[in-house]
Amino acid sequence: MAEWSTAASKQRSQPVDRGGVRTPPLRPGGYDPADYAAYVVRSAEEAAVSPLLVMTVLHNEAYKPHHPLLERLWQWWKPGAAFGVANMHRATFERVRRTHGLSERWQDLRDDPAFAVHAAALHLKDLDRSLPKRHVRRYTRDELLALGYNAGERNMQAFARGVPPGPLARSYLRRFRAYRSRAAQALADCGRPGDAVAG
């Protein structure tokens, strides 16, 4: 399994053996975020965020194939594309990397699903720090964090104040709510039934 250090930015993380992490399949439709449930639990606990939040975001981001070869081709065609099983853009990753002192590169997201999950959990942690404790009751905290993951930190803060999301963010939120029970089941199958009622 992977081990990461997220200490002060002066320290660099040293990835260790990540054996046993399944690469997403090349064929469309063969990818299941539940395959990474153990890494979701571990990364969420290290980042102090809800495993259910991370798993639901992974389900939301599973709309395209994530095989490393396909992602390389996609990058050739669209250089600004998002990478990894959690679909992280380069600018977002670079902020996470600087904040948490990660030694990996953005390109590592496409080849290392466990690291992609870890980076997503750290990004959600950073979003959580920037989200006000009080927000409109229309959304749960996890829903706002998911909107922040999709639409960015500033938009998340605006939604928390009551600014209505646009059509793309509303669609993302609908899918997030729809995938919640599937994500909870994946965690329960991994031995984490208590996470089904988290946030």
Protein backbone atom coordinates (compact mmCIF):
# COMPACT_ATOMS: atom_id res chain seq x y z
CA MET A 1 0.00 0.00 0.00
CA ALA A 2 1.03 3.57 -0.49
CA GLU A 3 2.27 5.74 2.31
CA TRP A 4 2.41 9.51 2.08
CA SER A 5 3.72 12.25 4.27
CA THR A 6 1.80 15.52 4.28
CA ALA A 7 3.85 17.36 6.87
CA ALA A 8 5.24 20.84 6.44
CA SER A 9 5.89 22.01 2.91
CA LYS A 10 9.65 21.77 3.49
CA GLN A 11 9.33 18.01 3.79
CA ARG A 12 8.74 15.99 0.65
CA SER A 13 6.51 12.96 0.56
CA GLN A 14 8.18 9.69 -0.26
CA PRO A 15 5.86 7.22 -1.96
CA VAL A 16 6.49 3.63 -0.99
CA ASP A 17 5.25 0.36 -2.42
CA ARG A 18 1.85 0.86 -4.03
CA GLY A 19 1.57 -2.75 -5.13
CA GLY A 20 -1.86 -4.20 -5.65
CA VAL A 21 -3.45 -1.00 -6.97
CA ARG A 22 -5.55 -1.94 -9.95
CA THR A 23 -5.13 0.16 -13.10
CA PRO A 24 -8.47 1.24 -14.58
CA PRO A 25 -9.34 -0.95 -17.59
CA LEU A 26 -8.82 0.14 -21.17
CA ARG A 27 -12.32 -0.80 -22.28
CA PRO A 28 -15.07 1.77 -21.63
CA GLY A 29 -17.50 0.94 -18.85
CA GLY A 30 -15.10 -1.35 -17.00
CA TYR A 31 -14.05 1.15 -14.34
CA ASP A 32 -15.61 0.98 -10.88
CA PRO A 33 -14.61 3.52 -8.22
CA ALA A 34 -15.46 0.88 -5.58
CA ASP A 35 -12.21 -0.87 -6.60
CA TYR A 36 -10.40 1.92 -4.75
CA ALA A 37 -12.49 1.89 -1.55
CA ALA A 38 -9.56 0.88 0.67
CA TYR A 39 -7.47 3.77 -0.69
CA VAL A 40 -10.40 6.14 -0.27
CA VAL A 41 -10.75 5.18 3.40
CA ARG A 42 -7.04 5.50 4.07
CA SER A 43 -6.58 8.80 2.23
CA ALA A 44 -9.75 10.32 3.72
CA GLU A 45 -8.63 9.41 7.23
CA GLU A 46 -5.17 10.89 6.63
CA ALA A 47 -6.72 14.09 5.26
CA ALA A 48 -9.42 14.19 7.98
CA VAL A 49 -12.30 14.32 5.50
CA SER A 50 -15.32 12.06 5.08
CA PRO A 51 -14.59 8.82 3.18
CA LEU A 52 -18.16 9.01 1.88
CA LEU A 53 -17.45 12.45 0.41
CA VAL A 54 -14.29 11.22 -1.34
CA MET A 55 -15.97 8.04 -2.64
CA THR A 56 -18.98 9.97 -3.94
CA VAL A 57 -16.70 12.45 -5.74
CA LEU A 58 -14.89 9.48 -7.36
CA HIS A 59 -18.23 8.12 -8.57
CA ASN A 60 -19.10 11.56 -9.95
CA GLU A 61 -15.77 11.75 -11.78
CA ALA A 62 -16.08 8.26 -13.33
CA TYR A 63 -17.82 9.53 -16.47
CA LYS A 64 -14.79 8.91 -18.72
CA PRO A 65 -12.28 6.05 -19.07
CA HIS A 66 -9.24 6.50 -16.81
CA HIS A 67 -6.74 4.07 -18.30
CA PRO A 68 -3.26 5.74 -18.41
CA LEU A 69 -2.93 5.18 -22.17
CA LEU A 70 -6.26 6.84 -22.88
CA GLU A 71 -5.37 9.75 -20.60
CA ARG A 72 -2.06 10.23 -22.46
CA LEU A 73 -3.93 10.33 -25.77
CA TRP A 74 -6.50 12.69 -24.29
CA GLN A 75 -3.70 15.00 -23.07
CA TRP A 76 -2.13 15.01 -26.54
CA TRP A 77 -5.46 16.10 -28.01
CA LYS A 78 -6.41 18.43 -25.12
CA PRO A 79 -3.31 19.55 -23.13
CA GLY A 80 -5.35 21.11 -20.31
CA ALA A 81 -7.31 17.94 -19.57
CA ALA A 82 -7.81 16.64 -16.05
CA PHE A 83 -5.93 13.49 -15.00
CA GLY A 84 -6.43 10.47 -12.80
CA VAL A 85 -9.41 8.62 -11.39
CA ALA A 86 -10.41 11.83 -9.59
CA ASN A 87 -10.07 14.12 -12.67
CA MET A 88 -7.74 16.75 -11.24
CA HIS A 89 -6.61 19.72 -13.32
CA ARG A 90 -2.99 20.79 -13.28
CA ALA A 91 -3.50 24.14 -11.51
CA THR A 92 -5.48 22.45 -8.75
CA PHE A 93 -2.87 19.73 -8.36
CA GLU A 94 -0.04 22.28 -8.18
CA ARG A 95 -1.81 24.07 -5.31
CA VAL A 96 -2.27 20.76 -3.48
CA ARG A 97 1.35 19.80 -4.16
CA ARG A 98 2.70 23.07 -2.77
CA THR A 99 0.38 23.11 0.24
CA HIS A 100 1.14 19.54 1.30
CA GLY A 101 4.75 19.21 0.13
CA LEU A 102 4.08 16.39 -2.33
CA SER A 103 7.01 15.23 -4.44
CA GLU A 104 4.89 13.60 -7.16
CA ARG A 105 4.09 15.36 -10.43
CA TRP A 106 0.71 16.10 -12.01
CA GLN A 107 1.40 13.44 -14.66
CA ASP A 108 1.67 10.82 -11.89
CA LEU A 109 -2.08 11.11 -11.34
CA ARG A 110 -2.82 9.22 -14.57
CA ASP A 111 -0.50 6.29 -13.71
CA ASP A 112 -1.18 5.94 -10.00
CA PRO A 113 -4.82 5.63 -8.91
CA ALA A 114 -3.92 5.46 -5.20
CA PHE A 115 -2.03 8.74 -5.47
CA ALA A 116 -4.89 10.33 -7.44
CA VAL A 117 -7.30 9.39 -4.63
CA HIS A 118 -4.87 10.79 -2.05
CA ALA A 119 -4.52 14.10 -3.94
CA ALA A 120 -8.33 14.38 -4.21
CA ALA A 121 -8.71 13.87 -0.45
CA LEU A 122 -6.11 16.56 0.24
CA HIS A 123 -7.87 18.95 -2.14
CA LEU A 124 -11.18 18.33 -0.36
CA LYS A 125 -9.42 19.04 2.94
CA ASP A 126 -8.17 22.37 1.56
CA LEU A 127 -11.67 23.24 0.33
CA ASP A 128 -13.09 22.37 3.75
CA ARG A 129 -10.68 24.81 5.40
CA SER A 130 -11.91 27.62 3.15
CA LEU A 131 -15.62 26.89 3.56
CA PRO A 132 -17.36 29.03 6.19
CA LYS A 133 -18.81 27.13 9.15
CA ARG A 134 -22.19 28.74 8.50
CA HIS A 135 -23.78 28.41 5.09
CA VAL A 136 -27.21 28.29 3.48
CA ARG A 137 -29.21 25.26 4.60
CA ARG A 138 -30.04 24.28 1.06
CA TYR A 139 -26.80 22.25 0.87
CA THR A 140 -24.95 19.97 3.23
CA ARG A 141 -21.30 20.69 3.88
CA ASP A 142 -20.31 17.67 1.77
CA GLU A 143 -22.47 18.93 -1.11
CA LEU A 144 -20.74 22.30 -1.00
CA LEU A 145 -17.33 20.61 -0.91
CA ALA A 146 -18.29 18.51 -3.93
CA LEU A 147 -19.42 21.67 -5.72
CA GLY A 148 -16.07 23.22 -4.82
CA TYR A 149 -14.26 20.20 -6.23
CA ASN A 150 -16.15 20.65 -9.48
CA ALA A 151 -16.59 24.41 -9.82
CA GLY A 152 -13.70 25.80 -7.76
CA GLU A 153 -13.23 27.35 -4.34
CA ARG A 154 -14.64 30.80 -5.14
CA ASN A 155 -17.80 29.37 -6.63
CA MET A 156 -18.20 27.07 -3.62
CA GLN A 157 -17.99 30.06 -1.29
CA ALA A 158 -20.57 31.90 -3.40
CA PHE A 159 -22.93 28.90 -3.30
CA ALA A 160 -22.46 28.78 0.49
CA ARG A 161 -23.70 32.40 0.66
CA GLY A 162 -26.78 31.53 -1.40
CA VAL A 163 -25.72 32.36 -4.96
CA PRO A 164 -27.49 29.80 -7.19
CA PRO A 165 -25.23 27.37 -9.07
CA GLY A 166 -25.22 27.38 -12.85
CA PRO A 167 -26.46 24.47 -14.98
CA LEU A 168 -23.18 22.49 -14.93
CA ALA A 169 -22.80 22.77 -11.17
CA ARG A 170 -26.48 21.83 -10.67
CA SER A 171 -25.96 18.76 -12.85
CA TYR A 172 -22.85 17.81 -10.84
CA LEU A 173 -24.81 18.20 -7.59
CA ARG A 174 -27.67 16.02 -8.90
CA ARG A 175 -25.20 13.27 -9.79
CA PHE A 176 -23.44 13.65 -6.43
CA ARG A 177 -26.74 13.12 -4.61
CA ALA A 178 -27.67 10.20 -6.86
CA TYR A 179 -24.31 8.44 -6.33
CA ARG A 180 -24.34 8.88 -2.54
CA SER A 181 -25.98 5.52 -1.81
CA ARG A 182 -23.72 3.67 -4.27
CA ALA A 183 -20.66 5.23 -2.65
CA ALA A 184 -21.95 4.30 0.81
CA GLN A 185 -22.43 0.71 -0.35
CA ALA A 186 -18.86 0.58 -1.68
CA LEU A 187 -17.59 1.71 1.72
CA ALA A 188 -19.83 -0.77 3.53
CA ASP A 189 -18.49 -3.57 1.33
CA CYS A 190 -15.01 -2.40 2.34
CA GLY A 191 -15.95 -2.75 6.00
CA ARG A 192 -16.91 0.87 6.71
CA PRO A 193 -20.72 0.86 7.19
CA GLY A 194 -20.64 3.82 9.60
CA ASP A 195 -19.50 6.11 6.79
CA ALA A 196 -22.85 5.72 5.10
CA VAL A 197 -24.35 8.27 7.47
CA ALA A 198 -21.52 10.82 7.32
CA GLY A 199 -22.11 14.34 6.25
